[in-house]
Amino acid sequence: MKAVVKIGLKNGVLDSQGKATYHTICTMGYEDIVKDIKIDKLINIELGDIDKADAMIKVDKMCQDMLVNTVIEDYNIDII
């Protein structure tokens, strides 16, 4: 089993890395097709033998404790 955690900045929080990437892409000639760029993080966690419901609870705790800055970031967990 695997947990996939997608982390992104909350609405209203400046994504300086995304803005810098957007600016560079536009200067490369893609300004006609690119409207905006946001940079997210994806964390893949290989899990041992654990019930899916328990895995969700424990991975959520990992996110709250260490993986996510909940002041400025939102996250979503998929257990697959």
Protein backbone atom coordinates (compact mmCIF):
# COMPACT_ATOMS: atom_id res chain seq x y z
CA MET A 1 0.00 0.00 0.00
CA LYS A 2 1.12 3.52 -0.70
CA ALA A 3 0.12 6.99 0.46
CA VAL A 4 0.41 9.92 -1.91
CA VAL A 5 0.35 13.35 -0.26
CA LYS A 6 -0.12 16.40 -2.50
CA ILE A 7 0.84 19.68 -0.82
CA GLY A 8 0.13 23.13 -2.23
CA LEU A 9 0.02 26.67 -1.00
CA LYS A 10 -3.30 28.00 0.27
CA ASN A 11 -5.14 30.55 -1.85
CA GLY A 12 -3.72 34.00 -1.25
CA VAL A 13 -0.23 32.80 -0.31
CA LEU A 14 2.42 34.07 -2.74
CA ASP A 15 4.03 31.25 -4.72
CA SER A 16 7.37 32.89 -5.48
CA GLN A 17 8.78 29.75 -7.09
CA GLY A 18 5.71 29.45 -9.32
CA LYS A 19 5.89 33.13 -10.29
CA ALA A 20 9.60 32.88 -11.12
CA THR A 21 8.97 29.79 -13.24
CA TYR A 22 6.03 31.50 -14.98
CA HIS A 23 8.17 34.54 -15.77
CA THR A 24 10.96 32.37 -17.22
CA ILE A 25 8.54 30.30 -19.31
CA CYS A 26 7.01 33.50 -20.70
CA THR A 27 10.41 34.90 -21.65
CA MET A 28 11.04 31.64 -23.52
CA GLY A 29 8.10 32.40 -25.81
CA TYR A 30 5.25 30.47 -24.16
CA GLU A 31 3.30 33.50 -22.89
CA ASP A 32 0.55 32.87 -25.45
CA ILE A 33 -0.38 29.46 -23.97
CA VAL A 34 0.56 29.67 -20.27
CA LYS A 35 -1.78 31.56 -17.95
CA ASP A 36 -0.18 30.74 -14.57
CA ILE A 37 2.11 28.21 -12.89
CA LYS A 38 1.83 26.86 -9.36
CA ILE A 39 4.47 24.63 -7.81
CA ASP A 40 3.17 21.84 -5.56
CA LYS A 41 4.94 19.04 -3.67
CA LEU A 42 4.12 15.35 -4.03
CA ILE A 43 5.25 12.93 -1.33
CA ASN A 44 5.03 9.16 -1.94
CA ILE A 45 5.08 7.05 1.22
CA GLU A 46 5.40 3.27 1.00
CA LEU A 47 3.35 1.74 3.80
CA GLY A 48 3.64 -1.62 5.49
CA ASP A 49 0.83 -4.00 6.32
CA ILE A 50 -1.84 -1.62 7.66
CA ASP A 51 -5.58 -1.19 7.31
CA LYS A 52 -6.55 1.55 4.82
CA ALA A 53 -8.53 3.54 7.42
CA ASP A 54 -5.65 3.36 9.92
CA ALA A 55 -3.20 4.36 7.20
CA MET A 56 -5.25 7.47 6.44
CA ILE A 57 -5.31 8.46 10.12
CA LYS A 58 -1.57 7.91 10.60
CA VAL A 59 -0.53 9.66 7.38
CA ASP A 60 -2.79 12.59 8.27
CA LYS A 61 -1.01 12.76 11.64
CA MET A 62 2.37 12.72 9.84
CA CYS A 63 1.18 15.64 7.74
CA GLN A 64 0.00 17.61 10.76
CA ASP A 65 3.16 16.85 12.76
CA MET A 66 5.87 17.36 10.16
CA LEU A 67 5.16 17.14 6.44
CA VAL A 68 2.88 20.16 5.98
CA ASN A 69 3.04 23.75 7.18
CA THR A 70 -0.71 24.01 7.82
CA VAL A 71 -0.49 27.78 8.28
CA ILE A 72 0.25 28.34 4.58
CA GLU A 73 -0.28 24.94 2.92
CA ASP A 74 -3.22 22.67 2.12
CA TYR A 75 -2.84 18.96 1.47
CA ASN A 76 -4.68 15.95 0.13
CA ILE A 77 -3.97 12.28 0.92
CA ASP A 78 -4.67 9.33 -1.40
CA ILE A 79 -4.18 5.81 -0.11
CA ILE A 80 -3.62 3.43 -3.01
